[in-house]
């Protein structure tokens, strides 16, 4: 049997390290207190990861969303540390964050007519 040389990229090494940490945390002794989980809403995850809220909802399963309550549309909460870890692994995070949209705001329609007189620019005569 011959020994083969394997070269890992820094991203591969990081992914392996994160996986080992996760496995060790899952197998921790019962006497060891689990760290306090911080459950947050989609807007908080979006702000933390630099993505839109819509993107968070589209990737809710990958980010480990937890449903609060029953019904057609239960509220979702996310473990912020887990979402960060998944993002660090680049499993679901987009390469470039989309700009955050402001919900509920629409531009009012502006009336445009030629009867409006504009203020003159300094040094020019009014039209």
Protein backbone atom coordinates (compact mmCIF):
# COMPACT_ATOMS: atom_id res chain seq x y z
CA UNK A 1 0.00 0.00 0.00
CA UNK A 2 1.47 3.35 -1.02
CA UNK A 3 0.99 6.62 0.80
CA UNK A 4 -0.64 9.33 -1.30
CA UNK A 5 -0.10 13.01 -0.64
CA UNK A 6 -3.33 14.89 -0.04
CA UNK A 7 -3.38 18.68 -0.12
CA UNK A 8 -6.25 20.47 1.54
CA UNK A 9 -7.21 24.05 0.92
CA UNK A 10 -7.62 26.41 3.89
CA UNK A 11 -11.40 26.26 3.29
CA UNK A 12 -11.32 22.45 3.52
CA UNK A 13 -9.33 22.56 6.76
CA UNK A 14 -11.79 25.10 8.21
CA UNK A 15 -14.80 22.98 7.21
CA UNK A 16 -13.26 19.89 8.81
CA UNK A 17 -12.47 21.81 12.01
CA UNK A 18 -16.02 23.17 12.25
CA UNK A 19 -17.44 19.68 11.69
CA UNK A 20 -15.25 18.25 14.47
CA UNK A 21 -16.37 21.01 16.85
CA UNK A 22 -20.01 20.25 16.04
CA UNK A 23 -19.51 16.52 16.65
CA UNK A 24 -17.77 17.17 19.96
CA UNK A 25 -20.58 19.49 21.07
CA UNK A 26 -23.21 16.87 20.18
CA UNK A 27 -21.35 14.19 22.16
CA UNK A 28 -20.61 16.39 25.17
CA UNK A 29 -21.08 14.91 28.61
CA UNK A 30 -24.52 15.43 30.16
CA UNK A 31 -22.98 17.21 33.16
CA UNK A 32 -21.53 19.89 30.90
CA UNK A 33 -23.94 22.79 30.62
CA UNK A 34 -25.01 23.55 27.08
CA UNK A 35 -24.38 27.15 26.02
CA UNK A 36 -27.41 29.40 25.97
CA UNK A 37 -28.95 29.38 22.51
CA UNK A 38 -29.96 32.73 21.15
CA UNK A 39 -33.08 32.32 19.02
CA UNK A 40 -33.75 35.30 16.79
CA UNK A 41 -36.09 36.28 14.00
CA UNK A 42 -35.33 36.32 10.26
CA UNK A 43 -34.61 40.06 10.22
CA UNK A 44 -31.85 39.63 12.81
CA UNK A 45 -30.28 36.74 10.89
CA UNK A 46 -30.46 38.78 7.68
CA UNK A 47 -28.72 41.75 9.30
CA UNK A 48 -26.05 39.50 10.83
CA UNK A 49 -25.30 37.68 7.56
CA UNK A 50 -25.69 40.72 5.30
CA UNK A 51 -28.56 39.26 3.26
CA UNK A 52 -32.22 40.05 2.78
CA UNK A 53 -34.98 38.72 5.01
CA UNK A 54 -36.48 37.04 1.97
CA UNK A 55 -33.21 35.19 1.40
CA UNK A 56 -33.29 33.91 4.99
CA UNK A 57 -36.83 32.56 4.48
CA UNK A 58 -35.80 30.91 1.19
CA UNK A 59 -32.97 29.09 3.05
CA UNK A 60 -34.84 28.48 6.31
CA UNK A 61 -34.31 24.70 6.25
CA UNK A 62 -30.55 25.00 5.69
CA UNK A 63 -30.31 27.61 8.43
CA UNK A 64 -32.14 25.36 10.91
CA UNK A 65 -35.35 27.33 11.36
CA UNK A 66 -37.50 26.32 14.32
CA UNK A 67 -41.28 26.71 14.13
CA UNK A 68 -43.00 28.39 17.03
CA UNK A 69 -46.55 27.17 17.35
CA UNK A 70 -48.83 25.36 14.95
CA UNK A 71 -50.96 26.51 12.06
CA UNK A 72 -50.46 27.49 8.45
CA UNK A 73 -47.70 30.04 9.01
CA UNK A 74 -46.02 29.58 12.38
CA UNK A 75 -43.40 32.10 13.40
CA UNK A 76 -39.83 31.03 12.68
CA UNK A 77 -36.83 31.50 14.93
CA UNK A 78 -33.19 30.77 14.19
CA UNK A 79 -30.24 29.85 16.36
CA UNK A 80 -27.95 32.76 15.53
CA UNK A 81 -24.73 30.85 16.27
CA UNK A 82 -25.78 28.00 13.99
CA UNK A 83 -26.70 30.39 11.18
CA UNK A 84 -23.29 32.05 11.53
CA UNK A 85 -21.50 28.67 11.38
CA UNK A 86 -23.42 27.63 8.27
CA UNK A 87 -22.63 30.98 6.71
CA UNK A 88 -18.92 30.61 7.54
CA UNK A 89 -18.93 27.25 5.80
CA UNK A 90 -20.45 28.97 2.75
CA UNK A 91 -23.07 26.24 2.59
CA UNK A 92 -25.92 28.62 1.89
CA UNK A 93 -24.63 32.19 2.05
CA UNK A 94 -24.66 34.07 -1.26
CA UNK A 95 -21.39 35.37 -2.67
CA UNK A 96 -22.67 38.96 -2.70
CA UNK A 97 -25.35 40.15 -0.34
CA UNK A 98 -28.45 41.58 -1.93
CA UNK A 99 -29.54 45.02 -0.78
CA UNK A 100 -32.15 44.98 1.93
CA UNK A 101 -35.55 46.09 0.69
CA UNK A 102 -37.69 48.38 2.78
CA UNK A 103 -41.03 46.68 3.17
CA UNK A 104 -44.27 48.55 2.81
CA UNK A 105 -42.92 51.67 1.17
CA UNK A 106 -43.86 52.66 -2.32
CA UNK A 107 -43.03 55.73 -4.25
CA UNK A 108 -45.92 58.10 -4.52
CA UNK A 109 -46.86 58.92 -8.03
CA UNK A 110 -45.69 62.41 -8.86
CA UNK A 111 -47.74 64.64 -11.07
CA UNK A 112 -45.63 65.94 -13.87
CA UNK A 113 -46.92 68.91 -15.72
CA UNK A 114 -45.18 71.76 -17.43
CA UNK A 115 -46.80 74.43 -15.26
CA UNK A 116 -44.20 74.06 -12.50
CA UNK A 117 -41.62 76.81 -12.28
CA UNK A 118 -38.21 75.69 -11.11
CA UNK A 119 -35.84 77.82 -9.11
CA UNK A 120 -32.98 79.18 -11.20
CA UNK A 121 -29.49 77.75 -10.88
CA UNK A 122 -27.08 80.33 -9.50
CA UNK A 123 -25.78 82.45 -12.39
CA UNK A 124 -28.54 81.45 -14.86
CA UNK A 125 -31.68 83.33 -15.73
CA UNK A 126 -35.04 81.60 -15.11
CA UNK A 127 -36.71 80.02 -18.15
